[in-house]
Amino acid sequence: MVGADGEKLGELVAVQEERLLVAKGFFFTTDYHVPFSAVASTDGDVITLNVTTEEALDQGWESGAEGERPPVGDSRAPGSTSGMP
C-alpha cells in the first residue's frame, strides 16, 4: 500500500468489514486500520491511497480502541481455514 505520493505505507494484512488492516515495519510492526474511503485506486498488488503516506500516518488509524489484528485461526485472519465448510 502506498500513499498518493508513492511512498510505501505498509503491507496489506487483512480485509475487514469496513477497512483494510495494514502492517508497517519489519520486526516491530504497527497496524493501521485504513478505511475503504481512503483508497484512491488499485493496480495489481498496489493499493494507492487518496492521501500521502505522511497524512495517512497522522490520521489516527493505528491499532487500539478500534480493534486488533484477528488471531491466527480466526476466520477473519488471512489464510485461515476455520469457518470453511
PDB file of N, CA and C in Angstrom:
ATOM      1  N   MET A   1       0.852  -1.172   0.000  1.00  0.00           N
ATOM      2  CA  MET A   1       0.000   0.000   0.000  1.00  0.00           C
ATOM      3  C   MET A   1       0.893   1.229   0.000  1.00  0.00           C
ATOM      4  N   VAL A   2       0.545   2.174  -0.863  1.00  0.00           N
ATOM      5  CA  VAL A   2       1.311   3.408  -0.960  1.00  0.00           C
ATOM      6  C   VAL A   2       0.390   4.606  -0.831  1.00  0.00           C
ATOM      7  N   GLY A   3       0.967   5.714  -0.405  1.00  0.00           N
ATOM      8  CA  GLY A   3       0.224   6.963  -0.320  1.00  0.00           C
ATOM      9  C   GLY A   3       0.112   7.598  -1.695  1.00  0.00           C
ATOM     10  N   ALA A   4      -0.627   8.676  -1.780  1.00  0.00           N
ATOM     11  CA  ALA A   4      -0.794   9.402  -3.036  1.00  0.00           C
ATOM     12  C   ALA A   4       0.543   9.917  -3.565  1.00  0.00           C
ATOM     13  N   ASP A   5       1.529  10.033  -2.674  1.00  0.00           N
ATOM     14  CA  ASP A   5       2.859  10.499  -3.061  1.00  0.00           C
ATOM     15  C   ASP A   5       3.763   9.367  -3.549  1.00  0.00           C
ATOM     16  N   GLY A   6       3.250   8.120  -3.546  1.00  0.00           N
ATOM     17  CA  GLY A   6       4.035   6.976  -3.995  1.00  0.00           C
ATOM     18  C   GLY A   6       4.897   6.349  -2.928  1.00  0.00           C
ATOM     19  N   GLU A   7       4.930   6.930  -1.723  1.00  0.00           N
ATOM     20  CA  GLU A   7       5.720   6.385  -0.615  1.00  0.00           C
ATOM     21  C   GLU A   7       4.985   5.212   0.014  1.00  0.00           C
ATOM     22  N   LYS A   8       5.718   4.143   0.330  1.00  0.00           N
ATOM     23  CA  LYS A   8       5.112   2.939   0.902  1.00  0.00           C
ATOM     24  C   LYS A   8       4.603   3.190   2.316  1.00  0.00           C
ATOM     25  N   LEU A   9       3.359   2.753   2.569  1.00  0.00           N
ATOM     26  CA  LEU A   9       2.795   2.818   3.911  1.00  0.00           C
ATOM     27  C   LEU A   9       3.031   1.501   4.634  1.00  0.00           C
ATOM     28  N   GLY A  10       2.773   0.382   3.985  1.00  0.00           N
ATOM     29  CA  GLY A  10       2.945  -0.917   4.608  1.00  0.00           C
ATOM     30  C   GLY A  10       2.363  -2.015   3.744  1.00  0.00           C
ATOM     31  N   GLU A  11       2.222  -3.202   4.348  1.00  0.00           N
ATOM     32  CA  GLU A  11       1.710  -4.381   3.662  1.00  0.00           C
ATOM     33  C   GLU A  11       0.291  -4.687   4.112  1.00  0.00           C
ATOM     34  N   LEU A  12      -0.559  -5.023   3.166  1.00  0.00           N
ATOM     35  CA  LEU A  12      -1.930  -5.423   3.481  1.00  0.00           C
ATOM     36  C   LEU A  12      -1.897  -6.745   4.232  1.00  0.00           C
ATOM     37  N   VAL A  13      -2.549  -6.783   5.394  1.00  0.00           N
ATOM     38  CA  VAL A  13      -2.586  -7.982   6.224  1.00  0.00           C
ATOM     39  C   VAL A  13      -3.950  -8.655   6.123  1.00  0.00           C
ATOM     40  N   ALA A  14      -5.022  -7.858   6.092  1.00  0.00           N
ATOM     41  CA  ALA A  14      -6.368  -8.414   6.055  1.00  0.00           C
ATOM     42  C   ALA A  14      -7.350  -7.380   5.533  1.00  0.00           C
ATOM     43  N   VAL A  15      -8.423  -7.892   4.965  1.00  0.00           N
ATOM     44  CA  VAL A  15      -9.540  -7.040   4.563  1.00  0.00           C
ATOM     45  C   VAL A  15     -10.618  -7.267   5.599  1.00  0.00           C
ATOM     46  N   GLN A  16     -10.999  -6.223   6.284  1.00  0.00           N
ATOM     47  CA  GLN A  16     -12.013  -6.319   7.322  1.00  0.00           C
ATOM     48  C   GLN A  16     -13.317  -5.722   6.808  1.00  0.00           C
ATOM     49  N   GLU A  17     -14.327  -5.734   7.646  1.00  0.00           N
ATOM     50  CA  GLU A  17     -15.662  -5.319   7.234  1.00  0.00           C
ATOM     51  C   GLU A  17     -15.713  -3.930   6.600  1.00  0.00           C
ATOM     52  N   GLU A  18     -15.069  -2.955   7.226  1.00  0.00           N
ATOM     53  CA  GLU A  18     -15.146  -1.577   6.723  1.00  0.00           C
ATOM     54  C   GLU A  18     -13.784  -0.945   6.487  1.00  0.00           C
ATOM     55  N   ARG A  19     -12.722  -1.753   6.564  1.00  0.00           N
ATOM     56  CA  ARG A  19     -11.386  -1.171   6.457  1.00  0.00           C
ATOM     57  C   ARG A  19     -10.361  -2.238   6.077  1.00  0.00           C
ATOM     58  N   LEU A  20      -9.179  -1.764   5.763  1.00  0.00           N
ATOM     59  CA  LEU A  20      -8.052  -2.627   5.434  1.00  0.00           C
ATOM     60  C   LEU A  20      -7.080  -2.603   6.606  1.00  0.00           C
ATOM     61  N   LEU A  21      -6.565  -3.755   6.976  1.00  0.00           N
ATOM     62  CA  LEU A  21      -5.570  -3.836   8.035  1.00  0.00           C
ATOM     63  C   LEU A  21      -4.202  -3.865   7.367  1.00  0.00           C
ATOM     64  N   VAL A  22      -3.379  -2.862   7.677  1.00  0.00           N
ATOM     65  CA  VAL A  22      -2.070  -2.690   7.058  1.00  0.00           C
ATOM     66  C   VAL A  22      -1.013  -2.724   8.148  1.00  0.00           C
ATOM     67  N   ALA A  23       0.052  -3.500   7.936  1.00  0.00           N
ATOM     68  CA  ALA A  23       1.161  -3.577   8.889  1.00  0.00           C
ATOM     69  C   ALA A  23       2.330  -2.775   8.345  1.00  0.00           C
ATOM     70  N   LYS A  24       2.884  -1.892   9.183  1.00  0.00           N
ATOM     71  CA  LYS A  24       4.040  -1.083   8.812  1.00  0.00           C
ATOM     72  C   LYS A  24       5.188  -1.466   9.726  1.00  0.00           C
ATOM     73  N   GLY A  25       6.333  -1.716   9.140  1.00  0.00           N
ATOM     74  CA  GLY A  25       7.512  -2.080   9.908  1.00  0.00           C
ATOM     75  C   GLY A  25       7.950  -3.490   9.599  1.00  0.00           C
ATOM     76  N   PHE A  26       9.099  -3.883  10.145  1.00  0.00           N
ATOM     77  CA  PHE A  26       9.633  -5.206   9.862  1.00  0.00           C
ATOM     78  C   PHE A  26       9.609  -6.080  11.112  1.00  0.00           C
ATOM     79  N   PHE A  27      10.394  -5.739  12.108  1.00  0.00           N
ATOM     80  CA  PHE A  27      10.425  -6.536  13.331  1.00  0.00           C
ATOM     81  C   PHE A  27       9.337  -6.103  14.309  1.00  0.00           C
ATOM     82  N   PHE A  28       9.198  -4.815  14.497  1.00  0.00           N
ATOM     83  CA  PHE A  28       8.196  -4.278  15.409  1.00  0.00           C
ATOM     84  C   PHE A  28       7.173  -3.525  14.571  1.00  0.00           C
ATOM     85  N   THR A  29       6.123  -4.220  14.186  1.00  0.00           N
ATOM     86  CA  THR A  29       5.147  -3.623  13.283  1.00  0.00           C
ATOM     87  C   THR A  29       4.103  -2.816  14.035  1.00  0.00           C
ATOM     88  N   THR A  30       3.537  -1.868  13.332  1.00  0.00           N
ATOM     89  CA  THR A  30       2.382  -1.114  13.800  1.00  0.00           C
ATOM     90  C   THR A  30       1.265  -1.401  12.821  1.00  0.00           C
ATOM     91  N   ASP A  31       0.106  -1.738  13.331  1.00  0.00           N
ATOM     92  CA  ASP A  31      -1.046  -1.993  12.474  1.00  0.00           C
ATOM     93  C   ASP A  31      -1.844  -0.714  12.278  1.00  0.00           C
ATOM     94  N   TYR A  32      -2.290  -0.504  11.065  1.00  0.00           N
ATOM     95  CA  TYR A  32      -3.134   0.636  10.713  1.00  0.00           C
ATOM     96  C   TYR A  32      -4.428   0.111  10.131  1.00  0.00           C
ATOM     97  N   HIS A  33      -5.540   0.691  10.548  1.00  0.00           N
ATOM     98  CA  HIS A  33      -6.870   0.327  10.058  1.00  0.00           C
ATOM     99  C   HIS A  33      -7.297   1.411   9.073  1.00  0.00           C
ATOM    100  N   VAL A  34      -7.068   1.155   7.797  1.00  0.00           N
ATOM    101  CA  VAL A  34      -7.301   2.151   6.755  1.00  0.00           C
ATOM    102  C   VAL A  34      -8.718   1.990   6.203  1.00  0.00           C
ATOM    103  N   PRO A  35      -9.536   3.023   6.299  1.00  0.00           N
ATOM    104  CA  PRO A  35     -10.909   2.916   5.792  1.00  0.00           C
ATOM    105  C   PRO A  35     -10.921   2.801   4.257  1.00  0.00           C
ATOM    106  N   PHE A  36     -11.902   2.074   3.743  1.00  0.00           N
ATOM    107  CA  PHE A  36     -12.034   1.928   2.292  1.00  0.00           C
ATOM    108  C   PHE A  36     -12.126   3.292   1.607  1.00  0.00           C
ATOM    109  N   SER A  37     -12.708   4.275   2.288  1.00  0.00           N
ATOM    110  CA  SER A  37     -12.876   5.606   1.694  1.00  0.00           C
ATOM    111  C   SER A  37     -11.535   6.283   1.400  1.00  0.00           C
ATOM    112  N   ALA A  38     -10.428   5.784   1.979  1.00  0.00           N
ATOM    113  CA  ALA A  38      -9.114   6.369   1.746  1.00  0.00           C
ATOM    114  C   ALA A  38      -8.411   5.777   0.527  1.00  0.00           C
ATOM    115  N   VAL A  39      -9.019   4.752  -0.083  1.00  0.00           N
ATOM    116  CA  VAL A  39      -8.408   4.107  -1.248  1.00  0.00           C
ATOM    117  C   VAL A  39      -8.766   4.882  -2.511  1.00  0.00           C
ATOM    118  N   ALA A  40      -7.728   5.299  -3.235  1.00  0.00           N
ATOM    119  CA  ALA A  40      -7.938   6.016  -4.497  1.00  0.00           C
ATOM    120  C   ALA A  40      -8.008   5.046  -5.662  1.00  0.00           C
ATOM    121  N   SER A  41      -7.119   4.016  -5.652  1.00  0.00           N
ATOM    122  CA  SER A  41      -7.088   3.076  -6.762  1.00  0.00           C
ATOM    123  C   SER A  41      -6.336   1.812  -6.384  1.00  0.00           C
ATOM    124  N   THR A  42      -6.515   0.792  -7.208  1.00  0.00           N
ATOM    125  CA  THR A  42      -5.749  -0.436  -7.080  1.00  0.00           C
ATOM    126  C   THR A  42      -5.219  -0.785  -8.464  1.00  0.00           C
ATOM    127  N   ASP A  43      -4.017  -1.322  -8.499  1.00  0.00           N
ATOM    128  CA  ASP A  43      -3.401  -1.736  -9.757  1.00  0.00           C
ATOM    129  C   ASP A  43      -2.560  -2.964  -9.464  1.00  0.00           C
ATOM    130  N   GLY A  44      -3.117  -4.128  -9.762  1.00  0.00           N
ATOM    131  CA  GLY A  44      -2.409  -5.359  -9.427  1.00  0.00           C
ATOM    132  C   GLY A  44      -2.307  -5.500  -7.923  1.00  0.00           C
ATOM    133  N   ASP A  45      -1.082  -5.593  -7.432  1.00  0.00           N
ATOM    134  CA  ASP A  45      -0.839  -5.752  -5.995  1.00  0.00           C
ATOM    135  C   ASP A  45      -0.670  -4.427  -5.266  1.00  0.00           C
ATOM    136  N   VAL A  46      -0.816  -3.310  -5.973  1.00  0.00           N
ATOM    137  CA  VAL A  46      -0.573  -1.996  -5.362  1.00  0.00           C
ATOM    138  C   VAL A  46      -1.900  -1.289  -5.081  1.00  0.00           C
ATOM    139  N   ILE A  47      -2.076  -0.914  -3.828  1.00  0.00           N
ATOM    140  CA  ILE A  47      -3.228  -0.113  -3.410  1.00  0.00           C
ATOM    141  C   ILE A  47      -2.703   1.297  -3.160  1.00  0.00           C
ATOM    142  N   THR A  48      -3.315   2.274  -3.814  1.00  0.00           N
ATOM    143  CA  THR A  48      -2.897   3.665  -3.653  1.00  0.00           C
ATOM    144  C   THR A  48      -3.971   4.432  -2.891  1.00  0.00           C
ATOM    145  N   LEU A  49      -3.528   5.167  -1.889  1.00  0.00           N
ATOM    146  CA  LEU A  49      -4.445   5.960  -1.078  1.00  0.00           C
ATOM    147  C   LEU A  49      -4.692   7.325  -1.706  1.00  0.00           C
ATOM    148  N   ASN A  50      -5.736   8.004  -1.241  1.00  0.00           N
ATOM    149  CA  ASN A  50      -6.029   9.354  -1.725  1.00  0.00           C
ATOM    150  C   ASN A  50      -5.399  10.422  -0.831  1.00  0.00           C
ATOM    151  N   VAL A  51      -4.524   9.991   0.088  1.00  0.00           N
ATOM    152  CA  VAL A  51      -3.751  10.893   0.950  1.00  0.00           C
ATOM    153  C   VAL A  51      -2.291  10.457   0.881  1.00  0.00           C
ATOM    154  N   THR A  52      -1.373  11.358   1.200  1.00  0.00           N
ATOM    155  CA  THR A  52       0.041  10.983   1.214  1.00  0.00           C
ATOM    156  C   THR A  52       0.286  10.022   2.383  1.00  0.00           C
ATOM    157  N   THR A  53       1.424   9.344   2.333  1.00  0.00           N
ATOM    158  CA  THR A  53       1.767   8.435   3.422  1.00  0.00           C
ATOM    159  C   THR A  53       1.872   9.189   4.746  1.00  0.00           C
ATOM    160  N   GLU A  54       2.482  10.355   4.727  1.00  0.00           N
ATOM    161  CA  GLU A  54       2.599  11.160   5.951  1.00  0.00           C
ATOM    162  C   GLU A  54       1.214  11.524   6.498  1.00  0.00           C
ATOM    163  N   GLU A  55       0.311  11.927   5.616  1.00  0.00           N
ATOM    164  CA  GLU A  55      -1.055  12.254   6.051  1.00  0.00           C
ATOM    165  C   GLU A  55      -1.749  11.015   6.611  1.00  0.00           C
ATOM    166  N   ALA A  56      -1.523   9.868   5.986  1.00  0.00           N
ATOM    167  CA  ALA A  56      -2.128   8.619   6.464  1.00  0.00           C
ATOM    168  C   ALA A  56      -1.650   8.287   7.873  1.00  0.00           C
ATOM    169  N   LEU A  57      -0.363   8.486   8.123  1.00  0.00           N
ATOM    170  CA  LEU A  57       0.198   8.186   9.444  1.00  0.00           C
ATOM    171  C   LEU A  57      -0.331   9.125  10.521  1.00  0.00           C
ATOM    172  N   ASP A  58      -0.828  10.291  10.106  1.00  0.00           N
ATOM    173  CA  ASP A  58      -1.368  11.278  11.053  1.00  0.00           C
ATOM    174  C   ASP A  58      -2.877  11.184  11.232  1.00  0.00           C
ATOM    175  N   GLN A  59      -3.521  10.175  10.652  1.00  0.00           N
ATOM    176  CA  GLN A  59      -4.984  10.055  10.699  1.00  0.00           C
ATOM    177  C   GLN A  59      -5.514   9.402  11.974  1.00  0.00           C
ATOM    178  N   GLY A  60      -4.636   8.791  12.772  1.00  0.00           N
ATOM    179  CA  GLY A  60      -5.110   8.093  13.970  1.00  0.00           C
ATOM    180  C   GLY A  60      -5.649   6.708  13.656  1.00  0.00           C
ATOM    181  N   TRP A  61      -5.152   6.109  12.573  1.00  0.00           N
ATOM    182  CA  TRP A  61      -5.623   4.786  12.154  1.00  0.00           C
ATOM    183  C   TRP A  61      -4.859   3.646  12.816  1.00  0.00           C
ATOM    184  N   GLU A  62      -3.962   3.929  13.777  1.00  0.00           N
ATOM    185  CA  GLU A  62      -3.192   2.880  14.427  1.00  0.00           C
ATOM    186  C   GLU A  62      -4.114   1.948  15.205  1.00  0.00           C
ATOM    187  N   SER A  63      -3.640   0.728  15.466  1.00  0.00           N
ATOM    188  CA  SER A  63      -4.394  -0.219  16.295  1.00  0.00           C
ATOM    189  C   SER A  63      -4.641   0.383  17.657  1.00  0.00           C
ATOM    190  N   GLY A  64      -5.711  -0.031  18.248  1.00  0.00           N
ATOM    191  CA  GLY A  64      -6.040   0.452  19.573  1.00  0.00           C
ATOM    192  C   GLY A  64      -7.497   0.192  19.853  1.00  0.00           C
ATOM    193  N   ALA A  65      -8.201   1.219  20.213  1.00  0.00           N
ATOM    194  CA  ALA A  65      -9.596   1.085  20.617  1.00  0.00           C
ATOM    195  C   ALA A  65     -10.479   0.512  19.513  1.00  0.00           C
ATOM    196  N   GLU A  66     -10.107   0.733  18.249  1.00  0.00           N
ATOM    197  CA  GLU A  66     -10.953   0.287  17.150  1.00  0.00           C
ATOM    198  C   GLU A  66     -10.853  -1.211  16.897  1.00  0.00           C
ATOM    199  N   GLY A  67      -9.887  -1.906  17.485  1.00  0.00           N
ATOM    200  CA  GLY A  67      -9.764  -3.337  17.250  1.00  0.00           C
ATOM    201  C   GLY A  67      -8.320  -3.726  17.016  1.00  0.00           C
ATOM    202  N   GLU A  68      -8.074  -4.988  17.077  1.00  0.00           N
ATOM    203  CA  GLU A  68      -6.735  -5.514  16.900  1.00  0.00           C
ATOM    204  C   GLU A  68      -6.728  -6.502  15.747  1.00  0.00           C
ATOM    205  N   ARG A  69      -5.537  -6.927  15.380  1.00  0.00           N
ATOM    206  CA  ARG A  69      -5.380  -7.926  14.339  1.00  0.00           C
ATOM    207  C   ARG A  69      -6.071  -9.210  14.778  1.00  0.00           C
ATOM    208  N   PRO A  70      -6.857  -9.863  13.892  1.00  0.00           N
ATOM    209  CA  PRO A  70      -7.512 -11.106  14.285  1.00  0.00           C
ATOM    210  C   PRO A  70      -6.469 -12.173  14.593  1.00  0.00           C
ATOM    211  N   PRO A  71      -6.695 -12.995  15.616  1.00  0.00           N
ATOM    212  CA  PRO A  71      -5.721 -14.023  15.972  1.00  0.00           C
ATOM    213  C   PRO A  71      -5.617 -15.084  14.885  1.00  0.00           C
ATOM    214  N   VAL A  72      -4.475 -15.765  14.839  1.00  0.00           N
ATOM    215  CA  VAL A  72      -4.289 -16.853  13.890  1.00  0.00           C
ATOM    216  C   VAL A  72      -5.374 -17.891  14.133  1.00  0.00           C
ATOM    217  N   GLY A  73      -5.977 -18.380  13.080  1.00  0.00           N
ATOM    218  CA  GLY A  73      -7.067 -19.342  13.203  1.00  0.00           C
ATOM    219  C   GLY A  73      -8.433 -18.685  13.182  1.00  0.00           C
ATOM    220  N   ASP A  74      -8.483 -17.367  13.405  1.00  0.00           N
ATOM    221  CA  ASP A  74      -9.737 -16.630  13.334  1.00  0.00           C
ATOM    222  C   ASP A  74     -10.163 -16.594  11.869  1.00  0.00           C
ATOM    223  N   SER A  75     -11.431 -16.745  11.604  1.00  0.00           N
ATOM    224  CA  SER A  75     -11.911 -16.795  10.224  1.00  0.00           C
ATOM    225  C   SER A  75     -11.659 -15.491   9.477  1.00  0.00           C
ATOM    226  N   ARG A  76     -11.349 -14.412  10.195  1.00  0.00           N
ATOM    227  CA  ARG A  76     -11.059 -13.134   9.541  1.00  0.00           C
ATOM    228  C   ARG A  76      -9.586 -12.989   9.208  1.00  0.00           C
ATOM    229  N   ALA A  77      -8.744 -13.881   9.751  1.00  0.00           N
ATOM    230  CA  ALA A  77      -7.308 -13.785   9.514  1.00  0.00           C
ATOM    231  C   ALA A  77      -6.977 -14.285   8.112  1.00  0.00           C
ATOM    232  N   PRO A  78      -6.034 -13.647   7.430  1.00  0.00           N
ATOM    233  CA  PRO A  78      -5.675 -14.082   6.099  1.00  0.00           C
ATOM    234  C   PRO A  78      -5.152 -15.502   6.105  1.00  0.00           C
ATOM    235  N   GLY A  79      -5.576 -16.315   5.149  1.00  0.00           N
ATOM    236  CA  GLY A  79      -5.103 -17.686   5.028  1.00  0.00           C
ATOM    237  C   GLY A  79      -5.749 -18.645   5.996  1.00  0.00           C
ATOM    238  N   SER A  80      -6.686 -18.182   6.795  1.00  0.00           N
ATOM    239  CA  SER A  80      -7.330 -19.031   7.766  1.00  0.00           C
ATOM    240  C   SER A  80      -8.286 -19.987   7.085  1.00  0.00           C
ATOM    241  N   THR A  81      -8.356 -21.199   7.594  1.00  0.00           N
ATOM    242  CA  THR A  81      -9.304 -22.163   7.040  1.00  0.00           C
ATOM    243  C   THR A  81     -10.458 -22.407   7.993  1.00  0.00           C
ATOM    244  N   SER A  82     -10.418 -21.813   9.178  1.00  0.00           N
ATOM    245  CA  SER A  82     -11.534 -22.001  10.099  1.00  0.00           C
ATOM    246  C   SER A  82     -12.752 -21.298   9.561  1.00  0.00           C
ATOM    247  N   GLY A  83     -13.884 -21.858   9.825  1.00  0.00           N
ATOM    248  CA  GLY A  83     -15.129 -21.291   9.341  1.00  0.00           C
ATOM    249  C   GLY A  83     -15.452 -21.728   7.923  1.00  0.00           C
ATOM    250  N   MET A  84     -14.560 -22.515   7.307  1.00  0.00           N
ATOM    251  CA  MET A  84     -14.832 -23.007   5.966  1.00  0.00           C
ATOM    252  C   MET A  84     -15.513 -24.369   6.070  1.00  0.00           C
ATOM    253  N   PRO A  85     -16.416 -24.687   5.158  1.00  0.00           N
ATOM    254  CA  PRO A  85     -17.115 -25.978   5.209  1.00  0.00           C
ATOM    255  C   PRO A  85     -16.190 -27.133   5.008  1.00  0.00           C
TER     256      PRO A  85
END
